[in-house]
Amino acid sequence: MLARLKTFGIVLLLAAVAGMPISVGVATWLDHQSLRKEWTAIGPACPVVAAPSPAALGAKPPPPFTYRGARFAYQIGDVECVAAPEKNLFDSSNYTVCQFDAAGAVAVTKGGRTTIFEPGIGHGATVTVRKGQVSCAIMGAGRFHGPTVGRQLQAAKDREARPR
């Protein structure tokens, strides 16, 4: 009886040890799915212009910045960027996604080519740089701007919704 109990204990221990990499793999995959969902561009394409209109120019625009090989210049508001994972489970590469809360105009330079998007004053924009191609989508009303701000807004809504 004691030998069977020891054997059962050893088998249980080995199963637990073998299950650890599987649980880490599943958790990583779920995290990638969540990250990709949060940063997926939803909305109509941003208009592409030759130069920003005077209305879209900020009085004191933030300094341009470079993120993962792409240079971004925007006129108004805030930005949050992430390296989003590709959809393929076996592809470990990432692509660049930046969300602007009210950019007015966004200039993106990648591979020596500059594209200027003008989502408009008060409209958020999601800019994606994927495999050398730059795209922009105007964010819908009520869409959060980046996971950090989104979590803060959701926490505030949850606090307000709690019964007192």
Protein backbone atom coordinates (compact mmCIF):
# COMPACT_ATOMS: atom_id res chain seq x y z
CA MET A 1 0.00 0.00 0.00
CA LEU A 2 2.83 2.41 0.88
CA ALA A 3 4.58 1.67 -2.44
CA ARG A 4 1.42 2.53 -4.37
CA LEU A 5 1.06 5.78 -2.44
CA LYS A 6 4.69 6.70 -3.23
CA THR A 7 4.18 5.84 -6.90
CA PHE A 8 1.01 7.96 -6.98
CA GLY A 9 2.88 10.86 -5.36
CA ILE A 10 5.73 10.65 -7.86
CA VAL A 11 3.32 10.51 -10.82
CA LEU A 12 1.39 13.49 -9.42
CA LEU A 13 4.62 15.48 -8.98
CA LEU A 14 5.77 14.67 -12.52
CA ALA A 15 2.36 15.66 -13.92
CA ALA A 16 2.54 19.00 -12.07
CA VAL A 17 6.06 19.68 -13.35
CA ALA A 18 5.05 18.73 -16.91
CA GLY A 19 1.99 21.00 -16.69
CA MET A 20 3.96 24.14 -15.81
CA PRO A 21 5.27 24.86 -19.34
CA ILE A 22 1.81 24.19 -20.74
CA SER A 23 0.19 26.67 -18.34
CA VAL A 24 2.86 29.30 -19.13
CA GLY A 25 2.28 28.76 -22.86
CA VAL A 26 -1.50 29.09 -22.53
CA ALA A 27 -1.16 32.23 -20.37
CA THR A 28 1.21 33.82 -22.91
CA TRP A 29 -1.12 32.98 -25.79
CA LEU A 30 -4.11 34.47 -23.93
CA ASP A 31 -2.09 37.61 -23.15
CA HIS A 32 -1.19 37.99 -26.84
CA GLN A 33 -4.83 37.55 -27.83
CA SER A 34 -5.90 40.22 -25.35
CA LEU A 35 -3.16 42.64 -26.42
CA ARG A 36 -4.02 42.22 -30.08
CA LYS A 37 -7.73 42.75 -29.39
CA GLU A 38 -7.09 45.92 -27.37
CA TRP A 39 -4.91 47.42 -30.09
CA THR A 40 -6.87 46.44 -33.21
CA ALA A 41 -7.69 49.47 -35.36
CA ILE A 42 -11.45 49.87 -35.70
CA GLY A 43 -13.00 52.65 -37.75
CA PRO A 44 -12.77 54.39 -41.10
CA ALA A 45 -9.40 55.12 -42.68
CA CYS A 46 -7.81 58.46 -41.86
CA PRO A 47 -7.57 60.91 -44.75
CA VAL A 48 -4.06 61.14 -46.24
CA VAL A 49 -2.96 64.73 -46.98
CA ALA A 50 0.09 66.36 -48.55
CA ALA A 51 0.46 68.75 -45.60
CA PRO A 52 -1.53 69.30 -42.40
CA SER A 53 -4.25 71.93 -42.67
CA PRO A 54 -3.79 75.08 -40.56
CA ALA A 55 -6.71 73.98 -38.33
CA ALA A 56 -4.91 70.72 -37.45
CA LEU A 57 -1.67 72.39 -36.40
CA GLY A 58 -1.03 72.69 -32.69
CA ALA A 59 0.35 75.85 -31.11
CA LYS A 60 3.15 73.87 -29.39
CA PRO A 61 3.25 70.36 -30.84
CA PRO A 62 5.04 67.67 -28.85
CA PRO A 63 8.50 66.69 -30.14
CA PRO A 64 8.59 63.93 -32.74
CA PHE A 65 9.61 60.49 -31.50
CA THR A 66 10.89 57.22 -32.95
CA TYR A 67 9.36 53.91 -31.92
CA ARG A 68 10.56 50.59 -33.35
CA GLY A 69 12.07 52.18 -36.45
CA ALA A 70 9.15 54.45 -37.36
CA ARG A 71 9.24 58.20 -36.73
CA PHE A 72 6.03 59.85 -35.52
CA ALA A 73 5.16 63.55 -35.36
CA TYR A 74 1.78 64.67 -34.10
CA GLN A 75 0.26 68.04 -33.35
CA ILE A 76 -2.03 67.79 -30.34
CA GLY A 77 -2.80 65.42 -27.46
CA ASP A 78 -1.18 62.27 -26.15
CA VAL A 79 0.07 59.01 -27.61
CA GLU A 80 0.60 55.47 -26.42
CA CYS A 81 2.42 52.80 -28.47
CA VAL A 82 2.86 49.05 -28.24
CA ALA A 83 4.52 46.22 -30.12
CA ALA A 84 1.48 44.06 -30.88
CA PRO A 85 1.99 40.36 -31.62
CA GLU A 86 1.14 38.92 -35.03
CA LYS A 87 -1.95 36.72 -35.28
CA ASN A 88 -0.10 33.52 -36.14
CA LEU A 89 0.51 31.36 -33.07
CA PHE A 90 3.93 30.28 -34.34
CA ASP A 91 5.05 33.76 -35.44
CA SER A 92 6.89 35.55 -32.66
CA SER A 93 7.20 38.85 -34.58
CA ASN A 94 5.45 42.07 -33.59
CA TYR A 95 4.16 45.13 -35.38
CA THR A 96 3.87 48.74 -34.20
CA VAL A 97 0.56 50.27 -33.13
CA CYS A 98 0.22 53.80 -31.73
CA GLN A 99 -2.99 55.36 -30.48
CA PHE A 100 -3.33 59.14 -30.51
CA ASP A 101 -6.14 60.67 -28.47
CA ALA A 102 -6.68 63.88 -30.48
CA ALA A 103 -3.75 64.21 -32.83
CA GLY A 104 -5.14 66.66 -35.39
CA ALA A 105 -2.51 65.39 -37.83
CA VAL A 106 0.04 62.57 -37.65
CA ALA A 107 3.14 62.27 -39.84
CA VAL A 108 4.73 58.82 -39.97
CA THR A 109 8.11 58.17 -41.59
CA LYS A 110 9.08 54.58 -42.30
CA GLY A 111 11.72 53.46 -44.76
CA GLY A 112 12.39 57.03 -45.95
CA ARG A 113 8.75 57.58 -46.92
CA THR A 114 6.54 60.02 -45.00
CA THR A 115 2.77 59.68 -44.85
CA ILE A 116 0.63 62.41 -43.27
CA PHE A 117 -2.75 61.46 -41.85
CA GLU A 118 -5.33 64.00 -40.74
CA PRO A 119 -8.04 62.36 -38.61
CA GLY A 120 -9.29 65.79 -37.56
CA ILE A 121 -9.37 67.79 -34.36
CA GLY A 122 -10.91 65.87 -31.47
CA HIS A 123 -10.73 62.51 -33.21
CA GLY A 124 -8.50 59.74 -31.97
CA ALA A 125 -6.42 57.75 -34.42
CA THR A 126 -4.82 54.31 -34.40
CA VAL A 127 -1.71 54.18 -36.58
CA THR A 128 -0.35 50.74 -37.51
CA VAL A 129 3.06 50.04 -39.03
CA ARG A 130 3.08 46.45 -40.24
CA LYS A 131 5.58 44.88 -42.63
CA GLY A 132 6.71 48.32 -43.82
CA GLN A 133 3.16 49.51 -44.57
CA VAL A 134 1.63 52.40 -42.64
CA SER A 135 -2.13 52.66 -42.06
CA CYS A 136 -4.40 54.80 -39.90
CA ALA A 137 -7.96 54.37 -38.63
CA ILE A 138 -10.12 57.01 -36.97
CA MET A 139 -11.17 55.74 -33.56
CA GLY A 140 -14.85 55.68 -32.71
CA ALA A 141 -16.40 57.71 -29.93
CA GLY A 142 -15.99 56.15 -26.52
CA ARG A 143 -13.02 54.03 -27.57
CA PHE A 144 -10.22 54.20 -25.05
CA HIS A 145 -6.75 55.36 -26.01
CA GLY A 146 -4.31 52.64 -25.07
CA PRO A 147 -4.66 49.93 -22.47
CA THR A 148 -3.30 51.99 -19.58
CA VAL A 149 -5.82 54.81 -20.00
CA GLY A 150 -8.53 52.28 -20.87
CA ARG A 151 -8.01 50.36 -17.64
CA GLN A 152 -8.12 53.60 -15.65
CA LEU A 153 -11.34 54.69 -17.35
CA GLN A 154 -12.91 51.26 -16.82
CA ALA A 155 -11.93 51.28 -13.14
CA ALA A 156 -13.53 54.72 -12.73
CA LYS A 157 -16.74 53.51 -14.43
CA ASP A 158 -16.77 50.41 -12.20
CA ARG A 159 -16.42 52.58 -9.07
CA GLU A 160 -19.31 54.79 -10.19
CA ALA A 161 -21.51 51.78 -10.99
CA ARG A 162 -21.11 50.18 -7.54
CA PRO A 163 -24.20 50.48 -5.35
CA ARG A 164 -23.68 52.69 -2.33
